[in-house]
Amino acid sequence: MTRAFLAMGHFRFREAFFLNPMAPLMFGAVLFIFFAAFYEWIKKKPVLAPFWERYQWPIVRLVWISAALSWTWNLYKEITGLTFHG
């Protein structure tokens, strides 16, 4: 995930997705949390807690499915010796 986050930070999205398909999802979540927390701090209005209360189970399911698919992809890459040629 670390190398995938670095690739995302350098706008190399294909490489990031190849390294870890869950990276774009997690990168987006980190950005969302950062900006939502900043908004909460500036406006003194809760955003994250109500969002989590409303979407907790869809988020949990999405993370579990994404983690399983990412794990499967990484196993496939390891077994086949697949490398990124970007």
PDB file of N, CA and C in Angstrom:
ATOM      1  N   MET A   1       0.828  -1.191   0.000  1.00  0.00           N
ATOM      2  CA  MET A   1       0.000   0.000   0.000  1.00  0.00           C
ATOM      3  C   MET A   1       0.874   1.256   0.000  1.00  0.00           C
ATOM      4  N   THR A   2       2.041   1.194   0.644  1.00  0.00           N
ATOM      5  CA  THR A   2       2.899   2.382   0.716  1.00  0.00           C
ATOM      6  C   THR A   2       3.355   2.809  -0.672  1.00  0.00           C
ATOM      7  N   ARG A   3       3.850   1.857  -1.453  1.00  0.00           N
ATOM      8  CA  ARG A   3       4.309   2.205  -2.803  1.00  0.00           C
ATOM      9  C   ARG A   3       3.141   2.672  -3.664  1.00  0.00           C
ATOM     10  N   ALA A   4       1.975   2.093  -3.477  1.00  0.00           N
ATOM     11  CA  ALA A   4       0.798   2.510  -4.233  1.00  0.00           C
ATOM     12  C   ALA A   4       0.393   3.935  -3.853  1.00  0.00           C
ATOM     13  N   PHE A   5       0.468   4.284  -2.563  1.00  0.00           N
ATOM     14  CA  PHE A   5       0.149   5.648  -2.133  1.00  0.00           C
ATOM     15  C   PHE A   5       1.147   6.640  -2.715  1.00  0.00           C
ATOM     16  N   LEU A   6       2.414   6.269  -2.745  1.00  0.00           N
ATOM     17  CA  LEU A   6       3.419   7.147  -3.345  1.00  0.00           C
ATOM     18  C   LEU A   6       3.139   7.358  -4.824  1.00  0.00           C
ATOM     19  N   ALA A   7       2.764   6.293  -5.521  1.00  0.00           N
ATOM     20  CA  ALA A   7       2.418   6.413  -6.941  1.00  0.00           C
ATOM     21  C   ALA A   7       1.203   7.322  -7.115  1.00  0.00           C
ATOM     22  N   MET A   8       0.199   7.182  -6.258  1.00  0.00           N
ATOM     23  CA  MET A   8      -0.983   8.054  -6.333  1.00  0.00           C
ATOM     24  C   MET A   8      -0.586   9.508  -6.122  1.00  0.00           C
ATOM     25  N   GLY A   9       0.315   9.745  -5.170  1.00  0.00           N
ATOM     26  CA  GLY A   9       0.765  11.099  -4.899  1.00  0.00           C
ATOM     27  C   GLY A   9       1.517  11.723  -6.060  1.00  0.00           C
ATOM     28  N   HIS A  10       2.090  10.885  -6.920  1.00  0.00           N
ATOM     29  CA  HIS A  10       2.795  11.362  -8.113  1.00  0.00           C
ATOM     30  C   HIS A  10       1.935  11.236  -9.372  1.00  0.00           C
ATOM     31  N   PHE A  11       0.643  11.030  -9.181  1.00  0.00           N
ATOM     32  CA  PHE A  11      -0.346  10.953 -10.273  1.00  0.00           C
ATOM     33  C   PHE A  11      -0.077   9.786 -11.227  1.00  0.00           C
ATOM     34  N   ARG A  12       0.519   8.717 -10.724  1.00  0.00           N
ATOM     35  CA  ARG A  12       0.722   7.510 -11.529  1.00  0.00           C
ATOM     36  C   ARG A  12      -0.355   6.499 -11.110  1.00  0.00           C
ATOM     37  N   PHE A  13      -1.569   6.747 -11.589  1.00  0.00           N
ATOM     38  CA  PHE A  13      -2.723   5.990 -11.131  1.00  0.00           C
ATOM     39  C   PHE A  13      -2.716   4.538 -11.607  1.00  0.00           C
ATOM     40  N   ARG A  14      -2.281   4.305 -12.829  1.00  0.00           N
ATOM     41  CA  ARG A  14      -2.228   2.921 -13.329  1.00  0.00           C
ATOM     42  C   ARG A  14      -1.263   2.087 -12.509  1.00  0.00           C
ATOM     43  N   GLU A  15      -0.113   2.669 -12.209  1.00  0.00           N
ATOM     44  CA  GLU A  15       0.881   1.949 -11.399  1.00  0.00           C
ATOM     45  C   GLU A  15       0.344   1.691  -9.995  1.00  0.00           C
ATOM     46  N   ALA A  16      -0.313   2.681  -9.420  1.00  0.00           N
ATOM     47  CA  ALA A  16      -0.881   2.526  -8.076  1.00  0.00           C
ATOM     48  C   ALA A  16      -1.920   1.415  -8.061  1.00  0.00           C
ATOM     49  N   PHE A  17      -2.783   1.392  -9.050  1.00  0.00           N
ATOM     50  CA  PHE A  17      -3.807   0.352  -9.117  1.00  0.00           C
ATOM     51  C   PHE A  17      -3.174  -1.017  -9.318  1.00  0.00           C
ATOM     52  N   PHE A  18      -2.112  -1.080 -10.132  1.00  0.00           N
ATOM     53  CA  PHE A  18      -1.419  -2.350 -10.333  1.00  0.00           C
ATOM     54  C   PHE A  18      -0.798  -2.840  -9.021  1.00  0.00           C
ATOM     55  N   LEU A  19      -0.170  -1.936  -8.285  1.00  0.00           N
ATOM     56  CA  LEU A  19       0.494  -2.317  -7.041  1.00  0.00           C
ATOM     57  C   LEU A  19      -0.501  -2.782  -5.987  1.00  0.00           C
ATOM     58  N   ASN A  20      -1.603  -2.077  -5.877  1.00  0.00           N
ATOM     59  CA  ASN A  20      -2.621  -2.439  -4.899  1.00  0.00           C
ATOM     60  C   ASN A  20      -3.947  -1.822  -5.326  1.00  0.00           C
ATOM     61  N   PRO A  21      -4.870  -2.629  -5.822  1.00  0.00           N
ATOM     62  CA  PRO A  21      -6.141  -2.087  -6.313  1.00  0.00           C
ATOM     63  C   PRO A  21      -6.943  -1.323  -5.254  1.00  0.00           C
ATOM     64  N   MET A  22      -6.626  -1.539  -3.996  1.00  0.00           N
ATOM     65  CA  MET A  22      -7.340  -0.851  -2.936  1.00  0.00           C
ATOM     66  C   MET A  22      -6.786   0.559  -2.692  1.00  0.00           C
ATOM     67  N   ALA A  23      -5.634   0.860  -3.261  1.00  0.00           N
ATOM     68  CA  ALA A  23      -4.971   2.145  -3.020  1.00  0.00           C
ATOM     69  C   ALA A  23      -5.818   3.352  -3.431  1.00  0.00           C
ATOM     70  N   PRO A  24      -6.414   3.374  -4.621  1.00  0.00           N
ATOM     71  CA  PRO A  24      -7.221   4.549  -4.975  1.00  0.00           C
ATOM     72  C   PRO A  24      -8.395   4.762  -4.014  1.00  0.00           C
ATOM     73  N   LEU A  25      -9.024   3.670  -3.587  1.00  0.00           N
ATOM     74  CA  LEU A  25     -10.132   3.764  -2.634  1.00  0.00           C
ATOM     75  C   LEU A  25      -9.646   4.348  -1.307  1.00  0.00           C
ATOM     76  N   MET A  26      -8.549   3.838  -0.800  1.00  0.00           N
ATOM     77  CA  MET A  26      -8.027   4.309   0.475  1.00  0.00           C
ATOM     78  C   MET A  26      -7.487   5.738   0.369  1.00  0.00           C
ATOM     79  N   PHE A  27      -6.847   6.062  -0.739  1.00  0.00           N
ATOM     80  CA  PHE A  27      -6.334   7.413  -0.963  1.00  0.00           C
ATOM     81  C   PHE A  27      -7.494   8.411  -0.967  1.00  0.00           C
ATOM     82  N   GLY A  28      -8.564   8.054  -1.665  1.00  0.00           N
ATOM     83  CA  GLY A  28      -9.759   8.903  -1.683  1.00  0.00           C
ATOM     84  C   GLY A  28     -10.370   9.048  -0.298  1.00  0.00           C
ATOM     85  N   ALA A  29     -10.392   7.962   0.463  1.00  0.00           N
ATOM     86  CA  ALA A  29     -10.937   8.021   1.823  1.00  0.00           C
ATOM     87  C   ALA A  29     -10.107   8.937   2.708  1.00  0.00           C
ATOM     88  N   VAL A  30      -8.788   8.842   2.583  1.00  0.00           N
ATOM     89  CA  VAL A  30      -7.910   9.701   3.379  1.00  0.00           C
ATOM     90  C   VAL A  30      -8.145  11.170   3.026  1.00  0.00           C
ATOM     91  N   LEU A  31      -8.238  11.467   1.736  1.00  0.00           N
ATOM     92  CA  LEU A  31      -8.506  12.850   1.322  1.00  0.00           C
ATOM     93  C   LEU A  31      -9.859  13.337   1.838  1.00  0.00           C
ATOM     94  N   PHE A  32     -10.879  12.481   1.727  1.00  0.00           N
ATOM     95  CA  PHE A  32     -12.208  12.849   2.211  1.00  0.00           C
ATOM     96  C   PHE A  32     -12.178  13.151   3.708  1.00  0.00           C
ATOM     97  N   ILE A  33     -11.543  12.280   4.481  1.00  0.00           N
ATOM     98  CA  ILE A  33     -11.484  12.475   5.926  1.00  0.00           C
ATOM     99  C   ILE A  33     -10.727  13.754   6.262  1.00  0.00           C
ATOM    100  N   PHE A  34      -9.623  13.994   5.565  1.00  0.00           N
ATOM    101  CA  PHE A  34      -8.841  15.206   5.810  1.00  0.00           C
ATOM    102  C   PHE A  34      -9.680  16.460   5.572  1.00  0.00           C
ATOM    103  N   PHE A  35     -10.320  16.537   4.401  1.00  0.00           N
ATOM    104  CA  PHE A  35     -11.099  17.737   4.077  1.00  0.00           C
ATOM    105  C   PHE A  35     -12.363  17.856   4.922  1.00  0.00           C
ATOM    106  N   ALA A  36     -12.983  16.726   5.266  1.00  0.00           N
ATOM    107  CA  ALA A  36     -14.167  16.774   6.133  1.00  0.00           C
ATOM    108  C   ALA A  36     -13.785  17.254   7.529  1.00  0.00           C
ATOM    109  N   ALA A  37     -12.654  16.778   8.042  1.00  0.00           N
ATOM    110  CA  ALA A  37     -12.203  17.223   9.362  1.00  0.00           C
ATOM    111  C   ALA A  37     -11.862  18.711   9.329  1.00  0.00           C
ATOM    112  N   PHE A  38     -11.252  19.161   8.251  1.00  0.00           N
ATOM    113  CA  PHE A  38     -10.929  20.585   8.108  1.00  0.00           C
ATOM    114  C   PHE A  38     -12.223  21.410   8.072  1.00  0.00           C
ATOM    115  N   TYR A  39     -13.211  20.924   7.320  1.00  0.00           N
ATOM    116  CA  TYR A  39     -14.510  21.603   7.254  1.00  0.00           C
ATOM    117  C   TYR A  39     -15.155  21.665   8.641  1.00  0.00           C
ATOM    118  N   GLU A  40     -15.118  20.537   9.368  1.00  0.00           N
ATOM    119  CA  GLU A  40     -15.670  20.517  10.723  1.00  0.00           C
ATOM    120  C   GLU A  40     -14.982  21.545  11.606  1.00  0.00           C
ATOM    121  N   TRP A  41     -13.685  21.637  11.489  1.00  0.00           N
ATOM    122  CA  TRP A  41     -12.910  22.565  12.317  1.00  0.00           C
ATOM    123  C   TRP A  41     -13.258  24.020  11.991  1.00  0.00           C
ATOM    124  N   ILE A  42     -13.384  24.322  10.690  1.00  0.00           N
ATOM    125  CA  ILE A  42     -13.684  25.699  10.271  1.00  0.00           C
ATOM    126  C   ILE A  42     -15.128  26.081  10.600  1.00  0.00           C
ATOM    127  N   LYS A  43     -16.077  25.245  10.222  1.00  0.00           N
ATOM    128  CA  LYS A  43     -17.504  25.569  10.353  1.00  0.00           C
ATOM    129  C   LYS A  43     -18.105  25.161  11.694  1.00  0.00           C
ATOM    130  N   LYS A  44     -17.357  24.375  12.474  1.00  0.00           N
ATOM    131  CA  LYS A  44     -17.876  23.868  13.762  1.00  0.00           C
ATOM    132  C   LYS A  44     -19.178  23.100  13.563  1.00  0.00           C
ATOM    133  N   LYS A  45     -19.219  22.353  12.460  1.00  0.00           N
ATOM    134  CA  LYS A  45     -20.412  21.577  12.118  1.00  0.00           C
ATOM    135  C   LYS A  45     -19.981  20.119  11.881  1.00  0.00           C
ATOM    136  N   PRO A  46     -20.597  19.149  12.561  1.00  0.00           N
ATOM    137  CA  PRO A  46     -20.178  17.752  12.402  1.00  0.00           C
ATOM    138  C   PRO A  46     -20.491  17.211  11.003  1.00  0.00           C
ATOM    139  N   VAL A  47     -19.519  16.533  10.443  1.00  0.00           N
ATOM    140  CA  VAL A  47     -19.678  15.924   9.128  1.00  0.00           C
ATOM    141  C   VAL A  47     -19.360  14.436   9.203  1.00  0.00           C
ATOM    142  N   LEU A  48     -18.238  14.103   9.819  1.00  0.00           N
ATOM    143  CA  LEU A  48     -17.769  12.714   9.805  1.00  0.00           C
ATOM    144  C   LEU A  48     -18.666  11.774  10.596  1.00  0.00           C
ATOM    145  N   ALA A  49     -19.072  12.157  11.793  1.00  0.00           N
ATOM    146  CA  ALA A  49     -19.915  11.281  12.611  1.00  0.00           C
ATOM    147  C   ALA A  49     -21.256  10.990  11.936  1.00  0.00           C
ATOM    148  N   PRO A  50     -21.973  11.998  11.434  1.00  0.00           N
ATOM    149  CA  PRO A  50     -23.229  11.684  10.747  1.00  0.00           C
ATOM    150  C   PRO A  50     -23.026  10.849   9.488  1.00  0.00           C
ATOM    151  N   PHE A  51     -21.942  11.123   8.765  1.00  0.00           N
ATOM    152  CA  PHE A  51     -21.647  10.335   7.561  1.00  0.00           C
ATOM    153  C   PHE A  51     -21.406   8.878   7.929  1.00  0.00           C
ATOM    154  N   TRP A  52     -20.614   8.650   8.973  1.00  0.00           N
ATOM    155  CA  TRP A  52     -20.315   7.284   9.404  1.00  0.00           C
ATOM    156  C   TRP A  52     -21.578   6.579   9.885  1.00  0.00           C
ATOM    157  N   GLU A  53     -22.412   7.283  10.653  1.00  0.00           N
ATOM    158  CA  GLU A  53     -23.657   6.680  11.143  1.00  0.00           C
ATOM    159  C   GLU A  53     -24.557   6.249   9.995  1.00  0.00           C
ATOM    160  N   ARG A  54     -24.585   7.035   8.951  1.00  0.00           N
ATOM    161  CA  ARG A  54     -25.470   6.734   7.836  1.00  0.00           C
ATOM    162  C   ARG A  54     -24.907   5.645   6.906  1.00  0.00           C
ATOM    163  N   TYR A  55     -23.600   5.674   6.663  1.00  0.00           N
ATOM    164  CA  TYR A  55     -23.002   4.791   5.655  1.00  0.00           C
ATOM    165  C   TYR A  55     -22.045   3.745   6.224  1.00  0.00           C
ATOM    166  N   GLN A  56     -22.118   3.482   7.509  1.00  0.00           N
ATOM    167  CA  GLN A  56     -21.177   2.564   8.137  1.00  0.00           C
ATOM    168  C   GLN A  56     -21.157   1.191   7.480  1.00  0.00           C
ATOM    169  N   TRP A  57     -22.299   0.548   7.332  1.00  0.00           N
ATOM    170  CA  TRP A  57     -22.314  -0.816   6.813  1.00  0.00           C
ATOM    171  C   TRP A  57     -21.973  -0.889   5.331  1.00  0.00           C
ATOM    172  N   PRO A  58     -22.422   0.013   4.489  1.00  0.00           N
ATOM    173  CA  PRO A  58     -21.943  -0.039   3.097  1.00  0.00           C
ATOM    174  C   PRO A  58     -20.424   0.171   3.006  1.00  0.00           C
ATOM    175  N   ILE A  59     -19.875   1.030   3.853  1.00  0.00           N
ATOM    176  CA  ILE A  59     -18.429   1.255   3.837  1.00  0.00           C
ATOM    177  C   ILE A  59     -17.698   0.007   4.290  1.00  0.00           C
ATOM    178  N   VAL A  60     -18.166  -0.615   5.359  1.00  0.00           N
ATOM    179  CA  VAL A  60     -17.526  -1.832   5.864  1.00  0.00           C
ATOM    180  C   VAL A  60     -17.560  -2.927   4.801  1.00  0.00           C
ATOM    181  N   ARG A  61     -18.690  -3.093   4.158  1.00  0.00           N
ATOM    182  CA  ARG A  61     -18.795  -4.112   3.103  1.00  0.00           C
ATOM    183  C   ARG A  61     -17.859  -3.803   1.937  1.00  0.00           C
ATOM    184  N   LEU A  62     -17.812  -2.550   1.526  1.00  0.00           N
ATOM    185  CA  LEU A  62     -16.925  -2.150   0.435  1.00  0.00           C
ATOM    186  C   LEU A  62     -15.465  -2.418   0.785  1.00  0.00           C
ATOM    187  N   VAL A  63     -15.069  -2.127   1.999  1.00  0.00           N
ATOM    188  CA  VAL A  63     -13.690  -2.362   2.417  1.00  0.00           C
ATOM    189  C   VAL A  63     -13.378  -3.853   2.434  1.00  0.00           C
ATOM    190  N   TRP A  64     -14.275  -4.670   2.953  1.00  0.00           N
ATOM    191  CA  TRP A  64     -14.047  -6.114   2.984  1.00  0.00           C
ATOM    192  C   TRP A  64     -13.940  -6.690   1.575  1.00  0.00           C
ATOM    193  N   ILE A  65     -14.835  -6.294   0.697  1.00  0.00           N
ATOM    194  CA  ILE A  65     -14.795  -6.796  -0.682  1.00  0.00           C
ATOM    195  C   ILE A  65     -13.528  -6.315  -1.384  1.00  0.00           C
ATOM    196  N   SER A  66     -13.200  -5.047  -1.214  1.00  0.00           N
ATOM    197  CA  SER A  66     -11.992  -4.501  -1.833  1.00  0.00           C
ATOM    198  C   SER A  66     -10.744  -5.191  -1.305  1.00  0.00           C
ATOM    199  N   ALA A  67     -10.694  -5.445  -0.010  1.00  0.00           N
ATOM    200  CA  ALA A  67      -9.529  -6.121   0.574  1.00  0.00           C
ATOM    201  C   ALA A  67      -9.393  -7.539   0.027  1.00  0.00           C
ATOM    202  N   ALA A  68     -10.504  -8.248  -0.113  1.00  0.00           N
ATOM    203  CA  ALA A  68     -10.459  -9.610  -0.655  1.00  0.00           C
ATOM    204  C   ALA A  68      -9.993  -9.601  -2.110  1.00  0.00           C
ATOM    205  N   LEU A  69     -10.511  -8.668  -2.904  1.00  0.00           N
ATOM    206  CA  LEU A  69     -10.095  -8.582  -4.303  1.00  0.00           C
ATOM    207  C   LEU A  69      -8.632  -8.166  -4.426  1.00  0.00           C
ATOM    208  N   SER A  70      -8.199  -7.250  -3.593  1.00  0.00           N
ATOM    209  CA  SER A  70      -6.814  -6.804  -3.606  1.00  0.00           C
ATOM    210  C   SER A  70      -5.876  -7.940  -3.217  1.00  0.00           C
ATOM    211  N   TRP A  71      -6.240  -8.679  -2.201  1.00  0.00           N
ATOM    212  CA  TRP A  71      -5.452  -9.829  -1.756  1.00  0.00           C
ATOM    213  C   TRP A  71      -5.355 -10.867  -2.874  1.00  0.00           C
ATOM    214  N   THR A  72      -6.472 -11.137  -3.534  1.00  0.00           N
ATOM    215  CA  THR A  72      -6.484 -12.083  -4.649  1.00  0.00           C
ATOM    216  C   THR A  72      -5.580 -11.602  -5.776  1.00  0.00           C
ATOM    217  N   TRP A  73      -5.654 -10.330  -6.116  1.00  0.00           N
ATOM    218  CA  TRP A  73      -4.818  -9.755  -7.171  1.00  0.00           C
ATOM    219  C   TRP A  73      -3.335  -9.877  -6.818  1.00  0.00           C
ATOM    220  N   ASN A  74      -2.985  -9.554  -5.570  1.00  0.00           N
ATOM    221  CA  ASN A  74      -1.591  -9.629  -5.165  1.00  0.00           C
ATOM    222  C   ASN A  74      -1.077 -11.066  -5.159  1.00  0.00           C
ATOM    223  N   LEU A  75      -1.904 -12.016  -4.793  1.00  0.00           N
ATOM    224  CA  LEU A  75      -1.524 -13.426  -4.896  1.00  0.00           C
ATOM    225  C   LEU A  75      -1.305 -13.821  -6.355  1.00  0.00           C
ATOM    226  N   TYR A  76      -2.193 -13.385  -7.227  1.00  0.00           N
ATOM    227  CA  TYR A  76      -2.052 -13.678  -8.654  1.00  0.00           C
ATOM    228  C   TYR A  76      -0.740 -13.119  -9.195  1.00  0.00           C
ATOM    229  N   LYS A  77      -0.422 -11.870  -8.844  1.00  0.00           N
ATOM    230  CA  LYS A  77       0.834 -11.261  -9.294  1.00  0.00           C
ATOM    231  C   LYS A  77       2.034 -12.061  -8.787  1.00  0.00           C
ATOM    232  N   GLU A  78       1.982 -12.484  -7.535  1.00  0.00           N
ATOM    233  CA  GLU A  78       3.093 -13.229  -6.941  1.00  0.00           C
ATOM    234  C   GLU A  78       3.266 -14.595  -7.602  1.00  0.00           C
ATOM    235  N   ILE A  79       2.161 -15.285  -7.840  1.00  0.00           N
ATOM    236  CA  ILE A  79       2.223 -16.618  -8.441  1.00  0.00           C
ATOM    237  C   ILE A  79       2.704 -16.566  -9.879  1.00  0.00           C
ATOM    238  N   THR A  80       2.238 -15.591 -10.652  1.00  0.00           N
ATOM    239  CA  THR A  80       2.574 -15.511 -12.069  1.00  0.00           C
ATOM    240  C   THR A  80       3.835 -14.712 -12.346  1.00  0.00           C
ATOM    241  N   GLY A  81       4.346 -13.964 -11.350  1.00  0.00           N
ATOM    242  CA  GLY A  81       5.520 -13.126 -11.562  1.00  0.00           C
ATOM    243  C   GLY A  81       5.226 -11.879 -12.387  1.00  0.00           C
ATOM    244  N   LEU A  82       3.986 -11.474 -12.410  1.00  0.00           N
ATOM    245  CA  LEU A  82       3.558 -10.311 -13.181  1.00  0.00           C
ATOM    246  C   LEU A  82       4.178  -9.032 -12.620  1.00  0.00           C
ATOM    247  N   THR A  83       4.716  -8.184 -13.505  1.00  0.00           N
ATOM    248  CA  THR A  83       5.308  -6.920 -13.063  1.00  0.00           C
ATOM    249  C   THR A  83       4.711  -5.775 -13.881  1.00  0.00           C
ATOM    250  N   PHE A  84       4.840  -4.572 -13.341  1.00  0.00           N
ATOM    251  CA  PHE A  84       4.282  -3.396 -13.997  1.00  0.00           C
ATOM    252  C   PHE A  84       5.256  -2.867 -15.051  1.00  0.00           C
ATOM    253  N   HIS A  85       4.747  -2.620 -16.239  1.00  0.00           N
ATOM    254  CA  HIS A  85       5.534  -2.021 -17.332  1.00  0.00           C
ATOM    255  C   HIS A  85       4.774  -0.804 -17.828  1.00  0.00           C
ATOM    256  N   GLY A  86       4.921   0.295 -17.117  1.00  0.00           N
ATOM    257  CA  GLY A  86       4.091   1.436 -17.383  1.00  0.00           C
ATOM    258  C   GLY A  86       4.589   2.400 -18.340  1.00  0.00           C
TER     259      GLY A  86
END
